[in-house]
Amino acid sequence: MGPLDAMWHLLNFFLPALGAGLIAAALAKLLWRHELQGVAYRRLAGAATLVNALVLVAGLVLTGHDGRISTYGAMLAACAATLLWAGWGGRA
């Protein structure tokens, strides 16, 4: 595998983390407009994307394969918990 192929593999591996983080943060800002008014979208999306990427790597290490449904389920649960923490902190 060449360097270009390796780059595409890495990008495709982390793309679900990025997509879920961006979409979940946008939906949270839309649904809880008034409650999250003081929280920047960038903070929500960055925290959610980072946690999603960490969960994907942990799923790969634990199961030995990427793309497992259990890993994606854990990623979405971690994303929701991260948005709760990043958006409301200790106020929830």
PDB file of N, CA and C in Angstrom:
ATOM      1  N   MET A   1       0.844  -1.167   0.000  1.00  0.00           N
ATOM      2  CA  MET A   1       0.000   0.000   0.000  1.00  0.00           C
ATOM      3  C   MET A   1       0.893   1.234   0.000  1.00  0.00           C
ATOM      4  N   GLY A   2       0.579   2.145  -0.871  1.00  0.00           N
ATOM      5  CA  GLY A   2       1.342   3.374  -0.972  1.00  0.00           C
ATOM      6  C   GLY A   2       0.853   4.416   0.019  1.00  0.00           C
ATOM      7  N   PRO A   3       1.553   5.541   0.087  1.00  0.00           N
ATOM      8  CA  PRO A   3       1.168   6.595   1.027  1.00  0.00           C
ATOM      9  C   PRO A   3      -0.201   7.197   0.716  1.00  0.00           C
ATOM     10  N   LEU A   4      -0.538   7.290  -0.554  1.00  0.00           N
ATOM     11  CA  LEU A   4      -1.839   7.842  -0.921  1.00  0.00           C
ATOM     12  C   LEU A   4      -2.964   6.900  -0.495  1.00  0.00           C
ATOM     13  N   ASP A   5      -2.766   5.613  -0.678  1.00  0.00           N
ATOM     14  CA  ASP A   5      -3.759   4.638  -0.233  1.00  0.00           C
ATOM     15  C   ASP A   5      -3.914   4.664   1.291  1.00  0.00           C
ATOM     16  N   ALA A   6      -2.808   4.786   1.993  1.00  0.00           N
ATOM     17  CA  ALA A   6      -2.854   4.850   3.455  1.00  0.00           C
ATOM     18  C   ALA A   6      -3.621   6.088   3.917  1.00  0.00           C
ATOM     19  N   MET A   7      -3.397   7.207   3.235  1.00  0.00           N
ATOM     20  CA  MET A   7      -4.112   8.431   3.586  1.00  0.00           C
ATOM     21  C   MET A   7      -5.618   8.251   3.387  1.00  0.00           C
ATOM     22  N   TRP A   8      -6.025   7.633   2.271  1.00  0.00           N
ATOM     23  CA  TRP A   8      -7.449   7.419   2.012  1.00  0.00           C
ATOM     24  C   TRP A   8      -8.058   6.469   3.034  1.00  0.00           C
ATOM     25  N   HIS A   9      -7.323   5.456   3.433  1.00  0.00           N
ATOM     26  CA  HIS A   9      -7.815   4.535   4.455  1.00  0.00           C
ATOM     27  C   HIS A   9      -8.051   5.262   5.774  1.00  0.00           C
ATOM     28  N   LEU A  10      -7.106   6.096   6.177  1.00  0.00           N
ATOM     29  CA  LEU A  10      -7.260   6.854   7.416  1.00  0.00           C
ATOM     30  C   LEU A  10      -8.420   7.836   7.333  1.00  0.00           C
ATOM     31  N   LEU A  11      -8.534   8.533   6.217  1.00  0.00           N
ATOM     32  CA  LEU A  11      -9.645   9.471   6.058  1.00  0.00           C
ATOM     33  C   LEU A  11     -10.989   8.758   6.111  1.00  0.00           C
ATOM     34  N   ASN A  12     -11.098   7.632   5.444  1.00  0.00           N
ATOM     35  CA  ASN A  12     -12.348   6.882   5.445  1.00  0.00           C
ATOM     36  C   ASN A  12     -12.635   6.249   6.800  1.00  0.00           C
ATOM     37  N   PHE A  13     -11.604   5.933   7.557  1.00  0.00           N
ATOM     38  CA  PHE A  13     -11.801   5.382   8.891  1.00  0.00           C
ATOM     39  C   PHE A  13     -12.388   6.434   9.833  1.00  0.00           C
ATOM     40  N   PHE A  14     -11.877   7.666   9.757  1.00  0.00           N
ATOM     41  CA  PHE A  14     -12.316   8.721  10.667  1.00  0.00           C
ATOM     42  C   PHE A  14     -13.508   9.526  10.151  1.00  0.00           C
ATOM     43  N   LEU A  15     -13.933   9.317   8.948  1.00  0.00           N
ATOM     44  CA  LEU A  15     -15.056  10.074   8.389  1.00  0.00           C
ATOM     45  C   LEU A  15     -16.357   9.884   9.170  1.00  0.00           C
ATOM     46  N   PRO A  16     -16.729   8.683   9.627  1.00  0.00           N
ATOM     47  CA  PRO A  16     -17.953   8.573  10.436  1.00  0.00           C
ATOM     48  C   PRO A  16     -17.880   9.385  11.732  1.00  0.00           C
ATOM     49  N   ALA A  17     -16.707   9.468  12.340  1.00  0.00           N
ATOM     50  CA  ALA A  17     -16.547  10.258  13.557  1.00  0.00           C
ATOM     51  C   ALA A  17     -16.781  11.738  13.272  1.00  0.00           C
ATOM     52  N   LEU A  18     -16.222  12.209  12.183  1.00  0.00           N
ATOM     53  CA  LEU A  18     -16.393  13.606  11.803  1.00  0.00           C
ATOM     54  C   LEU A  18     -17.844  13.905  11.450  1.00  0.00           C
ATOM     55  N   GLY A  19     -18.436  13.062  10.626  1.00  0.00           N
ATOM     56  CA  GLY A  19     -19.819  13.289  10.207  1.00  0.00           C
ATOM     57  C   GLY A  19     -20.795  13.260  11.364  1.00  0.00           C
ATOM     58  N   ALA A  20     -20.664  12.263  12.238  1.00  0.00           N
ATOM     59  CA  ALA A  20     -21.573  12.165  13.378  1.00  0.00           C
ATOM     60  C   ALA A  20     -21.369  13.342  14.339  1.00  0.00           C
ATOM     61  N   GLY A  21     -20.129  13.753  14.534  1.00  0.00           N
ATOM     62  CA  GLY A  21     -19.855  14.890  15.423  1.00  0.00           C
ATOM     63  C   GLY A  21     -20.443  16.186  14.903  1.00  0.00           C
ATOM     64  N   LEU A  22     -20.278  16.447  13.617  1.00  0.00           N
ATOM     65  CA  LEU A  22     -20.807  17.676  13.036  1.00  0.00           C
ATOM     66  C   LEU A  22     -22.330  17.685  13.009  1.00  0.00           C
ATOM     67  N   ILE A  23     -22.924  16.578  12.615  1.00  0.00           N
ATOM     68  CA  ILE A  23     -24.388  16.512  12.522  1.00  0.00           C
ATOM     69  C   ILE A  23     -25.029  16.555  13.903  1.00  0.00           C
ATOM     70  N   ALA A  24     -24.479  15.812  14.859  1.00  0.00           N
ATOM     71  CA  ALA A  24     -25.052  15.800  16.210  1.00  0.00           C
ATOM     72  C   ALA A  24     -24.954  17.173  16.869  1.00  0.00           C
ATOM     73  N   ALA A  25     -23.843  17.860  16.684  1.00  0.00           N
ATOM     74  CA  ALA A  25     -23.697  19.199  17.257  1.00  0.00           C
ATOM     75  C   ALA A  25     -24.677  20.179  16.612  1.00  0.00           C
ATOM     76  N   ALA A  26     -24.858  20.076  15.302  1.00  0.00           N
ATOM     77  CA  ALA A  26     -25.806  20.956  14.621  1.00  0.00           C
ATOM     78  C   ALA A  26     -27.234  20.694  15.090  1.00  0.00           C
ATOM     79  N   LEU A  27     -27.591  19.431  15.247  1.00  0.00           N
ATOM     80  CA  LEU A  27     -28.931  19.104  15.727  1.00  0.00           C
ATOM     81  C   LEU A  27     -29.135  19.551  17.173  1.00  0.00           C
ATOM     82  N   ALA A  28     -28.116  19.420  17.998  1.00  0.00           N
ATOM     83  CA  ALA A  28     -28.229  19.876  19.386  1.00  0.00           C
ATOM     84  C   ALA A  28     -28.426  21.388  19.432  1.00  0.00           C
ATOM     85  N   LYS A  29     -27.660  22.125  18.639  1.00  0.00           N
ATOM     86  CA  LYS A  29     -27.816  23.579  18.595  1.00  0.00           C
ATOM     87  C   LYS A  29     -29.189  23.973  18.057  1.00  0.00           C
ATOM     88  N   LEU A  30     -29.724  23.198  17.139  1.00  0.00           N
ATOM     89  CA  LEU A  30     -31.038  23.495  16.569  1.00  0.00           C
ATOM     90  C   LEU A  30     -32.158  23.175  17.560  1.00  0.00           C
ATOM     91  N   LEU A  31     -32.081  22.021  18.194  1.00  0.00           N
ATOM     92  CA  LEU A  31     -33.159  21.599  19.099  1.00  0.00           C
ATOM     93  C   LEU A  31     -33.164  22.369  20.419  1.00  0.00           C
ATOM     94  N   TRP A  32     -31.974  22.669  20.952  1.00  0.00           N
ATOM     95  CA  TRP A  32     -31.878  23.391  22.215  1.00  0.00           C
ATOM     96  C   TRP A  32     -31.250  24.754  21.965  1.00  0.00           C
ATOM     97  N   ARG A  33     -31.905  25.504  21.101  1.00  0.00           N
ATOM     98  CA  ARG A  33     -31.431  26.807  20.657  1.00  0.00           C
ATOM     99  C   ARG A  33     -31.174  27.761  21.818  1.00  0.00           C
ATOM    100  N   HIS A  34     -32.145  27.892  22.710  1.00  0.00           N
ATOM    101  CA  HIS A  34     -32.025  28.865  23.800  1.00  0.00           C
ATOM    102  C   HIS A  34     -31.066  28.380  24.889  1.00  0.00           C
ATOM    103  N   GLU A  35     -31.124  27.101  25.192  1.00  0.00           N
ATOM    104  CA  GLU A  35     -30.270  26.568  26.247  1.00  0.00           C
ATOM    105  C   GLU A  35     -28.792  26.580  25.860  1.00  0.00           C
ATOM    106  N   LEU A  36     -28.503  26.374  24.579  1.00  0.00           N
ATOM    107  CA  LEU A  36     -27.113  26.314  24.105  1.00  0.00           C
ATOM    108  C   LEU A  36     -26.676  27.600  23.412  1.00  0.00           C
ATOM    109  N   GLN A  37     -27.385  28.679  23.671  1.00  0.00           N
ATOM    110  CA  GLN A  37     -27.069  29.940  22.997  1.00  0.00           C
ATOM    111  C   GLN A  37     -25.654  30.421  23.313  1.00  0.00           C
ATOM    112  N   GLY A  38     -25.200  30.217  24.531  1.00  0.00           N
ATOM    113  CA  GLY A  38     -23.874  30.689  24.925  1.00  0.00           C
ATOM    114  C   GLY A  38     -22.743  29.717  24.611  1.00  0.00           C
ATOM    115  N   VAL A  39     -23.066  28.569  24.040  1.00  0.00           N
ATOM    116  CA  VAL A  39     -22.050  27.559  23.743  1.00  0.00           C
ATOM    117  C   VAL A  39     -21.755  27.585  22.244  1.00  0.00           C
ATOM    118  N   ALA A  40     -20.501  27.699  21.899  1.00  0.00           N
ATOM    119  CA  ALA A  40     -20.120  27.776  20.489  1.00  0.00           C
ATOM    120  C   ALA A  40     -20.306  26.421  19.796  1.00  0.00           C
ATOM    121  N   TYR A  41     -20.759  26.484  18.551  1.00  0.00           N
ATOM    122  CA  TYR A  41     -20.921  25.271  17.753  1.00  0.00           C
ATOM    123  C   TYR A  41     -19.580  24.558  17.601  1.00  0.00           C
ATOM    124  N   ARG A  42     -18.544  25.335  17.459  1.00  0.00           N
ATOM    125  CA  ARG A  42     -17.200  24.767  17.285  1.00  0.00           C
ATOM    126  C   ARG A  42     -16.780  23.920  18.484  1.00  0.00           C
ATOM    127  N   ARG A  43     -17.152  24.364  19.677  1.00  0.00           N
ATOM    128  CA  ARG A  43     -16.823  23.589  20.885  1.00  0.00           C
ATOM    129  C   ARG A  43     -17.584  22.268  20.901  1.00  0.00           C
ATOM    130  N   LEU A  44     -18.876  22.319  20.603  1.00  0.00           N
ATOM    131  CA  LEU A  44     -19.684  21.105  20.596  1.00  0.00           C
ATOM    132  C   LEU A  44     -19.195  20.123  19.540  1.00  0.00           C
ATOM    133  N   ALA A  45     -18.996  20.616  18.332  1.00  0.00           N
ATOM    134  CA  ALA A  45     -18.584  19.748  17.226  1.00  0.00           C
ATOM    135  C   ALA A  45     -17.179  19.192  17.453  1.00  0.00           C
ATOM    136  N   GLY A  46     -16.281  19.998  17.952  1.00  0.00           N
ATOM    137  CA  GLY A  46     -14.913  19.535  18.204  1.00  0.00           C
ATOM    138  C   GLY A  46     -14.854  18.455  19.270  1.00  0.00           C
ATOM    139  N   ALA A  47     -15.576  18.676  20.364  1.00  0.00           N
ATOM    140  CA  ALA A  47     -15.575  17.683  21.446  1.00  0.00           C
ATOM    141  C   ALA A  47     -16.216  16.383  20.983  1.00  0.00           C
ATOM    142  N   ALA A  48     -17.347  16.481  20.286  1.00  0.00           N
ATOM    143  CA  ALA A  48     -18.040  15.278  19.818  1.00  0.00           C
ATOM    144  C   ALA A  48     -17.196  14.512  18.805  1.00  0.00           C
ATOM    145  N   THR A  49     -16.551  15.212  17.894  1.00  0.00           N
ATOM    146  CA  THR A  49     -15.723  14.555  16.888  1.00  0.00           C
ATOM    147  C   THR A  49     -14.510  13.875  17.520  1.00  0.00           C
ATOM    148  N   LEU A  50     -13.890  14.529  18.477  1.00  0.00           N
ATOM    149  CA  LEU A  50     -12.728  13.936  19.148  1.00  0.00           C
ATOM    150  C   LEU A  50     -13.107  12.658  19.891  1.00  0.00           C
ATOM    151  N   VAL A  51     -14.202  12.706  20.631  1.00  0.00           N
ATOM    152  CA  VAL A  51     -14.635  11.518  21.371  1.00  0.00           C
ATOM    153  C   VAL A  51     -15.040  10.410  20.407  1.00  0.00           C
ATOM    154  N   ASN A  52     -15.717  10.760  19.327  1.00  0.00           N
ATOM    155  CA  ASN A  52     -16.094   9.756  18.326  1.00  0.00           C
ATOM    156  C   ASN A  52     -14.864   9.072  17.737  1.00  0.00           C
ATOM    157  N   ALA A  53     -13.840   9.842  17.442  1.00  0.00           N
ATOM    158  CA  ALA A  53     -12.615   9.260  16.885  1.00  0.00           C
ATOM    159  C   ALA A  53     -11.941   8.330  17.889  1.00  0.00           C
ATOM    160  N   LEU A  54     -11.927   8.718  19.156  1.00  0.00           N
ATOM    161  CA  LEU A  54     -11.333   7.864  20.188  1.00  0.00           C
ATOM    162  C   LEU A  54     -12.110   6.557  20.338  1.00  0.00           C
ATOM    163  N   VAL A  55     -13.426   6.628  20.253  1.00  0.00           N
ATOM    164  CA  VAL A  55     -14.243   5.417  20.355  1.00  0.00           C
ATOM    165  C   VAL A  55     -14.010   4.515  19.148  1.00  0.00           C
ATOM    166  N   LEU A  56     -13.869   5.091  17.961  1.00  0.00           N
ATOM    167  CA  LEU A  56     -13.586   4.274  16.775  1.00  0.00           C
ATOM    168  C   LEU A  56     -12.249   3.544  16.911  1.00  0.00           C
ATOM    169  N   VAL A  57     -11.240   4.234  17.409  1.00  0.00           N
ATOM    170  CA  VAL A  57      -9.937   3.599  17.600  1.00  0.00           C
ATOM    171  C   VAL A  57     -10.032   2.511  18.666  1.00  0.00           C
ATOM    172  N   ALA A  58     -10.751   2.787  19.759  1.00  0.00           N
ATOM    173  CA  ALA A  58     -10.922   1.783  20.809  1.00  0.00           C
ATOM    174  C   ALA A  58     -11.678   0.564  20.281  1.00  0.00           C
ATOM    175  N   GLY A  59     -12.686   0.794  19.453  1.00  0.00           N
ATOM    176  CA  GLY A  59     -13.418  -0.322  18.864  1.00  0.00           C
ATOM    177  C   GLY A  59     -12.543  -1.162  17.949  1.00  0.00           C
ATOM    178  N   LEU A  60     -11.674  -0.510  17.197  1.00  0.00           N
ATOM    179  CA  LEU A  60     -10.754  -1.227  16.327  1.00  0.00           C
ATOM    180  C   LEU A  60      -9.772  -2.066  17.145  1.00  0.00           C
ATOM    181  N   VAL A  61      -9.268  -1.496  18.229  1.00  0.00           N
ATOM    182  CA  VAL A  61      -8.314  -2.215  19.075  1.00  0.00           C
ATOM    183  C   VAL A  61      -8.995  -3.385  19.781  1.00  0.00           C
ATOM    184  N   LEU A  62     -10.189  -3.156  20.316  1.00  0.00           N
ATOM    185  CA  LEU A  62     -10.871  -4.199  21.092  1.00  0.00           C
ATOM    186  C   LEU A  62     -11.409  -5.335  20.229  1.00  0.00           C
ATOM    187  N   THR A  63     -11.974  -5.015  19.060  1.00  0.00           N
ATOM    188  CA  THR A  63     -12.584  -6.051  18.227  1.00  0.00           C
ATOM    189  C   THR A  63     -11.655  -6.571  17.141  1.00  0.00           C
ATOM    190  N   GLY A  64     -10.667  -5.776  16.773  1.00  0.00           N
ATOM    191  CA  GLY A  64      -9.757  -6.189  15.709  1.00  0.00           C
ATOM    192  C   GLY A  64     -10.267  -5.862  14.314  1.00  0.00           C
ATOM    193  N   HIS A  65     -11.465  -5.279  14.225  1.00  0.00           N
ATOM    194  CA  HIS A  65     -12.043  -4.908  12.932  1.00  0.00           C
ATOM    195  C   HIS A  65     -12.678  -3.530  13.062  1.00  0.00           C
ATOM    196  N   ASP A  66     -12.702  -2.810  11.952  1.00  0.00           N
ATOM    197  CA  ASP A  66     -13.438  -1.555  11.971  1.00  0.00           C
ATOM    198  C   ASP A  66     -14.817  -1.774  11.334  1.00  0.00           C
ATOM    199  N   GLY A  67     -15.710  -0.842  11.585  1.00  0.00           N
ATOM    200  CA  GLY A  67     -17.033  -0.916  10.989  1.00  0.00           C
ATOM    201  C   GLY A  67     -18.005  -1.836  11.714  1.00  0.00           C
ATOM    202  N   ARG A  68     -17.749  -2.181  12.957  1.00  0.00           N
ATOM    203  CA  ARG A  68     -18.672  -3.019  13.722  1.00  0.00           C
ATOM    204  C   ARG A  68     -19.846  -2.170  14.204  1.00  0.00           C
ATOM    205  N   ILE A  69     -21.027  -2.746  14.196  1.00  0.00           N
ATOM    206  CA  ILE A  69     -22.218  -2.040  14.659  1.00  0.00           C
ATOM    207  C   ILE A  69     -22.085  -1.667  16.132  1.00  0.00           C
ATOM    208  N   SER A  70     -21.484  -2.543  16.923  1.00  0.00           N
ATOM    209  CA  SER A  70     -21.300  -2.237  18.343  1.00  0.00           C
ATOM    210  C   SER A  70     -20.409  -1.009  18.534  1.00  0.00           C
ATOM    211  N   THR A  71     -19.415  -0.863  17.689  1.00  0.00           N
ATOM    212  CA  THR A  71     -18.546   0.315  17.772  1.00  0.00           C
ATOM    213  C   THR A  71     -19.308   1.570  17.402  1.00  0.00           C
ATOM    214  N   TYR A  72     -20.119   1.508  16.361  1.00  0.00           N
ATOM    215  CA  TYR A  72     -20.911   2.675  15.971  1.00  0.00           C
ATOM    216  C   TYR A  72     -21.940   3.017  17.035  1.00  0.00           C
ATOM    217  N   GLY A  73     -22.530   2.016  17.672  1.00  0.00           N
ATOM    218  CA  GLY A  73     -23.465   2.282  18.765  1.00  0.00           C
ATOM    219  C   GLY A  73     -22.777   2.949  19.937  1.00  0.00           C
ATOM    220  N   ALA A  74     -21.602   2.462  20.288  1.00  0.00           N
ATOM    221  CA  ALA A  74     -20.826   3.074  21.369  1.00  0.00           C
ATOM    222  C   ALA A  74     -20.409   4.494  20.991  1.00  0.00           C
ATOM    223  N   MET A  75     -20.101   4.701  19.719  1.00  0.00           N
ATOM    224  CA  MET A  75     -19.715   6.027  19.257  1.00  0.00           C
ATOM    225  C   MET A  75     -20.864   7.018  19.426  1.00  0.00           C
ATOM    226  N   LEU A  76     -22.076   6.610  19.077  1.00  0.00           N
ATOM    227  CA  LEU A  76     -23.212   7.514  19.194  1.00  0.00           C
ATOM    228  C   LEU A  76     -23.573   7.776  20.654  1.00  0.00           C
ATOM    229  N   ALA A  77     -23.454   6.763  21.517  1.00  0.00           N
ATOM    230  CA  ALA A  77     -23.711   6.967  22.944  1.00  0.00           C
ATOM    231  C   ALA A  77     -22.669   7.922  23.549  1.00  0.00           C
ATOM    232  N   ALA A  78     -21.422   7.742  23.181  1.00  0.00           N
ATOM    233  CA  ALA A  78     -20.368   8.626  23.671  1.00  0.00           C
ATOM    234  C   ALA A  78     -20.544  10.043  23.131  1.00  0.00           C
ATOM    235  N   CYS A  79     -21.016  10.146  21.903  1.00  0.00           N
ATOM    236  CA  CYS A  79     -21.266  11.462  21.303  1.00  0.00           C
ATOM    237  C   CYS A  79     -22.361  12.198  22.070  1.00  0.00           C
ATOM    238  N   ALA A  80     -23.435  11.498  22.397  1.00  0.00           N
ATOM    239  CA  ALA A  80     -24.523  12.117  23.153  1.00  0.00           C
ATOM    240  C   ALA A  80     -24.051  12.555  24.537  1.00  0.00           C
ATOM    241  N   ALA A  81     -23.275  11.704  25.203  1.00  0.00           N
ATOM    242  CA  ALA A  81     -22.761  12.060  26.526  1.00  0.00           C
ATOM    243  C   ALA A  81     -21.817  13.260  26.450  1.00  0.00           C
ATOM    244  N   THR A  82     -21.013  13.310  25.408  1.00  0.00           N
ATOM    245  CA  THR A  82     -20.082  14.424  25.237  1.00  0.00           C
ATOM    246  C   THR A  82     -20.818  15.724  24.963  1.00  0.00           C
ATOM    247  N   LEU A  83     -21.863  15.661  24.152  1.00  0.00           N
ATOM    248  CA  LEU A  83     -22.640  16.869  23.885  1.00  0.00           C
ATOM    249  C   LEU A  83     -23.339  17.356  25.153  1.00  0.00           C
ATOM    250  N   LEU A  84     -23.797  16.435  25.966  1.00  0.00           N
ATOM    251  CA  LEU A  84     -24.409  16.807  27.238  1.00  0.00           C
ATOM    252  C   LEU A  84     -23.384  17.512  28.129  1.00  0.00           C
ATOM    253  N   TRP A  85     -22.183  16.930  28.208  1.00  0.00           N
ATOM    254  CA  TRP A  85     -21.142  17.525  29.041  1.00  0.00           C
ATOM    255  C   TRP A  85     -20.669  18.861  28.479  1.00  0.00           C
ATOM    256  N   ALA A  86     -20.406  18.924  27.168  1.00  0.00           N
ATOM    257  CA  ALA A  86     -19.876  20.145  26.565  1.00  0.00           C
ATOM    258  C   ALA A  86     -20.912  21.260  26.521  1.00  0.00           C
ATOM    259  N   GLY A  87     -22.177  20.884  26.378  1.00  0.00           N
ATOM    260  CA  GLY A  87     -23.213  21.902  26.259  1.00  0.00           C
ATOM    261  C   GLY A  87     -23.699  22.437  27.583  1.00  0.00           C
ATOM    262  N   TRP A  88     -23.875  21.552  28.540  1.00  0.00           N
ATOM    263  CA  TRP A  88     -24.445  21.962  29.809  1.00  0.00           C
ATOM    264  C   TRP A  88     -23.470  21.893  30.967  1.00  0.00           C
ATOM    265  N   GLY A  89     -22.364  21.233  30.800  1.00  0.00           N
ATOM    266  CA  GLY A  89     -21.379  21.124  31.873  1.00  0.00           C
ATOM    267  C   GLY A  89     -21.979  20.465  33.095  1.00  0.00           C
ATOM    268  N   GLY A  90     -22.027  21.159  34.196  1.00  0.00           N
ATOM    269  CA  GLY A  90     -22.627  20.631  35.412  1.00  0.00           C
ATOM    270  C   GLY A  90     -24.044  21.109  35.628  1.00  0.00           C
ATOM    271  N   ARG A  91     -24.611  21.809  34.644  1.00  0.00           N
ATOM    272  CA  ARG A  91     -25.941  22.405  34.814  1.00  0.00           C
ATOM    273  C   ARG A  91     -27.074  21.470  34.462  1.00  0.00           C
ATOM    274  N   ALA A  92     -26.809  20.289  33.897  1.00  0.00           N
ATOM    275  CA  ALA A  92     -27.891  19.423  33.419  1.00  0.00           C
ATOM    276  C   ALA A  92     -28.650  18.763  34.549  1.00  0.00           C
TER     277      ALA A  92
END
